[in-house]
Amino acid sequence: MADFCMPSLGAEMTDGKLVEWLVHPGDTVKRGDIIAVVETDKAALEVEVWQDGVVEELLVGEGLKVPVGTALARLGEVGAVVVPTPTAPTPAAPEPVAPEPVLDRQPAGVAAADGHPPHVRGPIARHRADELGLDLSRVPGTGPGGVITRHDVEAAAQVRARPRVSPYARRRAAERGIDLAALAGTGPGGAVLAVDVPMAAAAAAAVSPPTPPVPAPTPAEAMRAAIARAMARSKREIPHYYLGTQVDLTDTLAWLDARNGDRPPAERVLPAVLELKAVALALRGHPDLNGFWVDDAFVPATSIDIGVAIALRTGGLVAPAIHATDTLDLDALMSALRDLVRRCRSSRIRASEATGATLTVTNLGDLGVETVLGVIYPPQVALVGFGRAVPRPWVVDGAVVPRTVVDLTLAADHRQTDGHLGARFLGRVAELLRTPEDL
């Protein structure tokens, strides 16, 4: 038996909201199956299970927000028979009613020589009653044979100090958030009546006007706050260094135009796909940039899963991963990228995509930006940026000619690598981009 817990779906995530269960008790699940949808500050994510099993019990209801690590469901061994048992609603606790202060439910009996009734055992209860100024003839005993104990004395003192409140007044005070102990009763013996409650509420409002409620942040505001926390942590903890170079893409874009040929738009490969594939292949020879900084040490990744920065229509951005990017051909990579963008913008990305990137690539060329100096997304140790490919004067065979050039940048973590390794990596990316037939 094992627990399926709320996963950590981002560097700054502390809790998540369970939006939807996609399984029921008794269902058999396999590793990688999507079994729930969880909402974070940045997106709604489809969460996979990481082991085979049978769903025995769903522990958290839909719509609830719980901390990371909270058990969401219980899984049993495959083959186990589970009989779903509906959970009975928890009955509401009865409203506490204060006991009456007059405690004459047992006769006082005959007084002893010291003035105390005979049902008091030992000097402790008698001494405590004298301290509290209690008349023991009006205290019920709960000990054997009605013996009055010290506990009975102290309970009676608390009841005496508690104001008498009618049930209706108690209910009205609870609705208005009024402390009963602060009310002055106008009923017999100072009892608090229902009419005393609105009077107290009006007096409190006159002294301290109600504070207007703080509106809950919108999804876009929550996402922006989550991004700000992650980027502030990155700049605070990671010693960034930046490198940049320019790559002549004239021949590469001509090759891509010829490759796309007469293909319909849905089957054409975009230049961004060439950039992703070049970065992924370059990482094969530079594994020191492909991994995570965890607990003051570098943890190399076992695969090359490039994260793609994707802007959302509602504002903000996410950077989910395309798994095993280096193994996909250009058509498969184009299909994966198109699918990932579509699902990101409909808030249906998977948890493994949201947290699995080993290095992120950002491309702002379609917005006219020529140079991108990115911020590393922890716990990754590098980020590659591409700008807009623009015509520039370029020297070819001793002559200045117009060529289409793109700015390529690297932001890297100085705790893990240095400029020498970073420069070699950028050189390899540039070399691959100039030879698209090798991608």
Foldseek 3Di string as FASTA:
>chain_A
DDFDWAADLAPPAFKKAFADAPDDQFDWDAAQDFGTWIDTLAFIAGETDHHTFGFQFADDDHGDMDTGGHGGTDGHHPPDGHDDDDDDDDDDDDDDAQDALQQQPDAQDDADPVRHGPLEPDCPLVVLCVVLVHRNRRFFADDVPRRRDNVSSVVSSVSNLQAAEDPLLVVLCVVLVHDRNPWQDPDPPRHNYNVRRVVVVVVVCVVPPDDDDDDDDDSQVSNVVVVVVQLVCLVVPFPKDKDKDKFFQFVVVVVQCVVCPPPDPVQGFDVVLLLLLLLQVLCVVVQLQFAFQDPNDTDGDPAAWEWEWAAEPVGDTATFTDTRSNPDDRRRSRVSVVVVNVCVNVRYHHSCRRRVHREYEYEPQVVVFQDDDDGGRHRGFKYKYKHHFDWDFDADPNDTDTTTMIMIMMMGGVSRDDPVSVVVSVVSSSVCSNVVVVD
